[in-house]
Structures are given as structure tokens and as C-alpha cells.
Amino acid sequence: MVKDVTDEKIRKIEIGMTIEQVVSILNKPYYINIGNSTHTTVECNHTRNLNEIEINEETKIRELIVREYSDTNYCCSSNKQGMCFQKKEVTFTYSKHVLYPYRRMLWIHFDDSLLVRYVYCKQYKSMWEYNVSYYLE
């Protein structure tokens, strides 16, 4: 999990908060998922995947999201259809991928107005078993 993200900070997140308010409490996430941008066109050699975009200190998150949703440089017709008709939702991922159990994961989901829609945090006890430690909807 991102350094300094505590249970206390997670519980400060409220439905309807902006991206900037969340970042001011939890800092920037490791990854951002923008909408449901995957597609199944086998012939596409230039997949424009907006899942798990890595974030760094220089990333201007709101600008990145607006740019990706307004980009009309689609990689194929399937991507164009998906990007034009999907809900414009965003998820912040505050957990890195690790190959061991006992990890904690946190997602902050935003609606198409880029306001917090729900918060989901879980703690793995083993590879397949976990407890939901916090859920806000």
C-alpha cells in the first residue's frame, strides 16, 4: 500500500469528494484505471490500454483523465466504440501488485463527474481468502 496510508486516513474519505481532496488525504495512487478501456479485437496491434496507468509525482491526474477521455486517436473501431459509449469512471489503486499473500489493497472509485463513488479496502489472509476491512458506498 502507498506509504503513510492508514486506516484513519482511509476513513476520512467521503462520498462526493473530488480527486484533489482524496490526493490531499492519501497522496497519489500507484495506478489509475480509466473506464473500461480494454477491448477484444484480436486484429488490433496498437491496443490503447487505459488500465493501470502508473502514476508518479509529476503526473497531473485530472489533466491525464480529461486528456484520455477526450482523445479521439482510437487504436481500432472496437476501442472507439468502447471509449465513446462507456461511462467515464475512474479508479485509483493504492496497492502494488505483489506475489505473496497477506497484502492489503485499497481502491477509490470515482463517478463520471470525478467524485468519489465508493471506497473498497481488503486484507488478504492467503492467496484466495480475504477480509473486507472497509467499504463505503
Foldseek 3Di string as FASTA:
>chain_A
DPPPDDPVLLVVADFFAAPVVNCVRRNAAQFKAWFPQDFDDPPQPPRDHRGGDGDDPPDPVVVVLVCVLPDPPHSDPRRNVRSVPTWGKMKGKRDDDDDFAQDKTKIFIAGSVRTTPKIWIWTGPGPPDIDTPDIDD
